[in-house]
Amino acid sequence: MIAVTGHLSGFLAEPRVATLTTLRADGSPHVVAVRFTWDQGSGLARVLTVAGSRKARNLVAVPGGRAALCQVDGFRWVTLEGPANVHGDQERVERAARHYTERYSGPPPNPAERVVIEIAVDRITRLNV
């Protein structure tokens, strides 16, 4: 598991938006702005979405396919990468919603067919963080 400490830990705790990159079936990147959470204890970055979203469908098509989250603030940035899976079970979705509420000081949207993307972070790149 990758350890995140110091300034990096603080940066990932800031309530910012990031981009999530997944790959379409033709190999082209799908990039979308998302809110996410980082869980140092499990090594997971989590993104709540709906099952029918392009990002979720890209990952369902290739279970364990890689995804990347990039949080930017001026000339500071961090990218979290790793294999990603989509989960719809209530316990995982509720855990993601709790973490989201803590980070963003309010609950996430609760649409029908809500799922969570979990990225098992195995690579971190960064600048000035």
C-alpha atoms as a PDB file:
ATOM      1  CA  MET A   1       0.000   0.000   0.000  1.00  0.00           C
ATOM      2  CA  ILE A   2       1.198   3.500  -0.814  1.00  0.00           C
ATOM      3  CA  ALA A   3       1.636   5.785   2.187  1.00  0.00           C
ATOM      4  CA  VAL A   4       0.317   9.319   1.895  1.00  0.00           C
ATOM      5  CA  THR A   5       1.635  11.680   4.567  1.00  0.00           C
ATOM      6  CA  GLY A   6       2.429  15.313   5.269  1.00  0.00           C
ATOM      7  CA  HIS A   7       1.576  17.930   2.672  1.00  0.00           C
ATOM      8  CA  LEU A   8       0.183  15.323   0.284  1.00  0.00           C
ATOM      9  CA  SER A   9      -2.268  14.056   2.882  1.00  0.00           C
ATOM     10  CA  GLY A  10      -3.403  17.596   3.570  1.00  0.00           C
ATOM     11  CA  PHE A  11      -3.795  18.379  -0.120  1.00  0.00           C
ATOM     12  CA  LEU A  12      -5.951  15.280  -0.655  1.00  0.00           C
ATOM     13  CA  ALA A  13      -8.149  16.314   2.277  1.00  0.00           C
ATOM     14  CA  GLU A  14      -8.973  19.686   0.697  1.00  0.00           C
ATOM     15  CA  PRO A  15     -12.523  19.733  -0.719  1.00  0.00           C
ATOM     16  CA  ARG A  16     -11.514  20.111  -4.353  1.00  0.00           C
ATOM     17  CA  VAL A  17     -12.723  18.702  -7.640  1.00  0.00           C
ATOM     18  CA  ALA A  18     -10.542  16.382  -9.709  1.00  0.00           C
ATOM     19  CA  THR A  19     -10.614  14.865 -13.164  1.00  0.00           C
ATOM     20  CA  LEU A  20     -11.267  11.152 -13.540  1.00  0.00           C
ATOM     21  CA  THR A  21      -9.848   9.442 -16.600  1.00  0.00           C
ATOM     22  CA  THR A  22     -11.125   6.067 -17.804  1.00  0.00           C
ATOM     23  CA  LEU A  23     -10.765   4.435 -21.212  1.00  0.00           C
ATOM     24  CA  ARG A  24     -13.528   3.925 -23.755  1.00  0.00           C
ATOM     25  CA  ALA A  25     -13.792   0.648 -25.687  1.00  0.00           C
ATOM     26  CA  ASP A  26     -11.811   2.187 -28.581  1.00  0.00           C
ATOM     27  CA  GLY A  27      -8.968   3.093 -26.191  1.00  0.00           C
ATOM     28  CA  SER A  28      -9.628   6.838 -26.222  1.00  0.00           C
ATOM     29  CA  PRO A  29      -9.662   8.626 -22.860  1.00  0.00           C
ATOM     30  CA  HIS A  30     -12.877   9.739 -21.213  1.00  0.00           C
ATOM     31  CA  VAL A  31     -12.112  12.613 -18.826  1.00  0.00           C
ATOM     32  CA  VAL A  32     -14.713  14.096 -16.503  1.00  0.00           C
ATOM     33  CA  ALA A  33     -14.694  16.368 -13.458  1.00  0.00           C
ATOM     34  CA  VAL A  34     -15.672  14.578 -10.235  1.00  0.00           C
ATOM     35  CA  ARG A  35     -15.641  14.873  -6.491  1.00  0.00           C
ATOM     36  CA  PHE A  36     -13.803  12.027  -4.817  1.00  0.00           C
ATOM     37  CA  THR A  37     -12.458  10.815  -1.500  1.00  0.00           C
ATOM     38  CA  TRP A  38      -9.148   9.305  -0.479  1.00  0.00           C
ATOM     39  CA  ASP A  39      -9.079   6.608   2.227  1.00  0.00           C
ATOM     40  CA  GLN A  40      -5.505   6.076   3.433  1.00  0.00           C
ATOM     41  CA  GLY A  41      -6.521   3.092   5.571  1.00  0.00           C
ATOM     42  CA  SER A  42      -7.784   1.068   2.624  1.00  0.00           C
ATOM     43  CA  GLY A  43      -5.665   2.682  -0.104  1.00  0.00           C
ATOM     44  CA  LEU A  44      -8.846   3.454  -2.045  1.00  0.00           C
ATOM     45  CA  ALA A  45      -9.949   6.542  -3.894  1.00  0.00           C
ATOM     46  CA  ARG A  46     -13.730   6.560  -4.308  1.00  0.00           C
ATOM     47  CA  VAL A  47     -16.054   8.301  -6.752  1.00  0.00           C
ATOM     48  CA  LEU A  48     -19.840   8.148  -6.457  1.00  0.00           C
ATOM     49  CA  THR A  49     -21.758   8.031  -9.733  1.00  0.00           C
ATOM     50  CA  VAL A  50     -24.647   6.213 -11.385  1.00  0.00           C
ATOM     51  CA  ALA A  51     -24.432   2.830 -13.072  1.00  0.00           C
ATOM     52  CA  GLY A  52     -25.313   4.220 -16.495  1.00  0.00           C
ATOM     53  CA  SER A  53     -22.620   6.908 -16.566  1.00  0.00           C
ATOM     54  CA  ARG A  54     -19.916   6.631 -19.224  1.00  0.00           C
ATOM     55  CA  LYS A  55     -17.188   6.379 -16.564  1.00  0.00           C
ATOM     56  CA  ALA A  56     -18.921   3.476 -14.825  1.00  0.00           C
ATOM     57  CA  ARG A  57     -19.691   1.705 -18.103  1.00  0.00           C
ATOM     58  CA  ASN A  58     -16.054   2.043 -19.215  1.00  0.00           C
ATOM     59  CA  LEU A  59     -14.891   0.299 -16.039  1.00  0.00           C
ATOM     60  CA  VAL A  60     -17.614  -2.372 -16.027  1.00  0.00           C
ATOM     61  CA  ALA A  61     -16.537  -3.313 -19.553  1.00  0.00           C
ATOM     62  CA  VAL A  62     -12.991  -4.011 -18.309  1.00  0.00           C
ATOM     63  CA  PRO A  63     -13.121  -5.038 -14.623  1.00  0.00           C
ATOM     64  CA  GLY A  64      -9.921  -3.970 -12.901  1.00  0.00           C
ATOM     65  CA  GLY A  65      -9.081  -1.610 -15.743  1.00  0.00           C
ATOM     66  CA  ARG A  66      -6.993   1.369 -14.762  1.00  0.00           C
ATOM     67  CA  ALA A  67      -8.302   4.787 -13.849  1.00  0.00           C
ATOM     68  CA  ALA A  68      -6.615   8.042 -12.844  1.00  0.00           C
ATOM     69  CA  LEU A  69      -7.793  10.907 -10.641  1.00  0.00           C
ATOM     70  CA  CYS A  70      -5.964  14.227 -10.901  1.00  0.00           C
ATOM     71  CA  GLN A  71      -6.534  17.028  -8.371  1.00  0.00           C
ATOM     72  CA  VAL A  72      -5.064  20.392  -9.363  1.00  0.00           C
ATOM     73  CA  ASP A  73      -4.600  23.699  -7.593  1.00  0.00           C
ATOM     74  CA  GLY A  74      -2.500  26.147  -9.609  1.00  0.00           C
ATOM     75  CA  PHE A  75       0.957  24.612  -9.954  1.00  0.00           C
ATOM     76  CA  ARG A  76       0.229  21.936  -7.334  1.00  0.00           C
ATOM     77  CA  TRP A  77      -1.239  18.657  -8.488  1.00  0.00           C
ATOM     78  CA  VAL A  78      -1.475  15.001  -7.582  1.00  0.00           C
ATOM     79  CA  THR A  79      -2.597  12.043  -9.686  1.00  0.00           C
ATOM     80  CA  LEU A  80      -3.829   8.830  -8.076  1.00  0.00           C
ATOM     81  CA  GLU A  81      -3.777   5.796 -10.383  1.00  0.00           C
ATOM     82  CA  GLY A  82      -4.729   2.167 -10.073  1.00  0.00           C
ATOM     83  CA  PRO A  83      -7.078  -0.645 -11.027  1.00  0.00           C
ATOM     84  CA  ALA A  84     -10.716   0.361 -10.638  1.00  0.00           C
ATOM     85  CA  ASN A  85     -13.969  -1.480 -10.103  1.00  0.00           C
ATOM     86  CA  VAL A  86     -17.598  -0.434  -9.887  1.00  0.00           C
ATOM     87  CA  HIS A  87     -19.649  -1.616  -6.912  1.00  0.00           C
ATOM     88  CA  GLY A  88     -23.360  -1.258  -6.312  1.00  0.00           C
ATOM     89  CA  ASP A  89     -23.687  -2.995  -2.970  1.00  0.00           C
ATOM     90  CA  GLN A  90     -25.298  -0.783  -0.343  1.00  0.00           C
ATOM     91  CA  GLU A  91     -22.522  -1.038   2.249  1.00  0.00           C
ATOM     92  CA  ARG A  92     -19.801   0.199  -0.111  1.00  0.00           C
ATOM     93  CA  VAL A  93     -21.987   2.974  -1.508  1.00  0.00           C
ATOM     94  CA  GLU A  94     -22.918   4.147   2.001  1.00  0.00           C
ATOM     95  CA  ARG A  95     -19.257   4.091   3.104  1.00  0.00           C
ATOM     96  CA  ALA A  96     -18.368   6.244   0.088  1.00  0.00           C
ATOM     97  CA  ALA A  97     -21.214   8.635   0.896  1.00  0.00           C
ATOM     98  CA  ARG A  98     -19.996   9.015   4.508  1.00  0.00           C
ATOM     99  CA  HIS A  99     -16.460   9.841   3.351  1.00  0.00           C
ATOM    100  CA  TYR A 100     -17.871  12.293   0.777  1.00  0.00           C
ATOM    101  CA  THR A 101     -19.980  14.026   3.430  1.00  0.00           C
ATOM    102  CA  GLU A 102     -16.911  14.431   5.657  1.00  0.00           C
ATOM    103  CA  ARG A 103     -14.712  15.816   2.891  1.00  0.00           C
ATOM    104  CA  TYR A 104     -17.213  18.131   1.215  1.00  0.00           C
ATOM    105  CA  SER A 105     -19.180  19.148   4.372  1.00  0.00           C
ATOM    106  CA  GLY A 106     -22.467  17.942   2.943  1.00  0.00           C
ATOM    107  CA  PRO A 107     -24.090  14.815   1.592  1.00  0.00           C
ATOM    108  CA  PRO A 108     -23.656  13.734  -2.023  1.00  0.00           C
ATOM    109  CA  PRO A 109     -26.548  13.513  -4.461  1.00  0.00           C
ATOM    110  CA  ASN A 110     -28.542  10.300  -4.044  1.00  0.00           C
ATOM    111  CA  PRO A 111     -29.851   9.356  -7.498  1.00  0.00           C
ATOM    112  CA  ALA A 112     -31.345   5.997  -8.366  1.00  0.00           C
ATOM    113  CA  GLU A 113     -28.787   3.371  -9.414  1.00  0.00           C
ATOM    114  CA  ARG A 114     -25.990   5.048  -7.442  1.00  0.00           C
ATOM    115  CA  VAL A 115     -22.731   3.083  -7.458  1.00  0.00           C
ATOM    116  CA  VAL A 116     -19.206   3.688  -6.249  1.00  0.00           C
ATOM    117  CA  ILE A 117     -16.029   3.468  -8.286  1.00  0.00           C
ATOM    118  CA  GLU A 118     -13.167   2.239  -6.121  1.00  0.00           C
ATOM    119  CA  ILE A 119      -9.625   2.800  -7.341  1.00  0.00           C
ATOM    120  CA  ALA A 120      -6.962   0.714  -5.581  1.00  0.00           C
ATOM    121  CA  VAL A 121      -4.201   3.320  -5.777  1.00  0.00           C
ATOM    122  CA  ASP A 122      -0.842   1.803  -6.705  1.00  0.00           C
ATOM    123  CA  ARG A 123       0.838   4.854  -8.250  1.00  0.00           C
ATOM    124  CA  ILE A 124       0.989   8.481  -7.227  1.00  0.00           C
ATOM    125  CA  THR A 125       2.571  11.285  -9.218  1.00  0.00           C
ATOM    126  CA  ARG A 126       2.673  14.861  -8.020  1.00  0.00           C
ATOM    127  CA  LEU A 127       4.165  18.305  -8.343  1.00  0.00           C
ATOM    128  CA  ASN A 128       4.736  20.825  -5.553  1.00  0.00           C
ATOM    129  CA  VAL A 129       2.686  18.851  -3.038  1.00  0.00           C
END
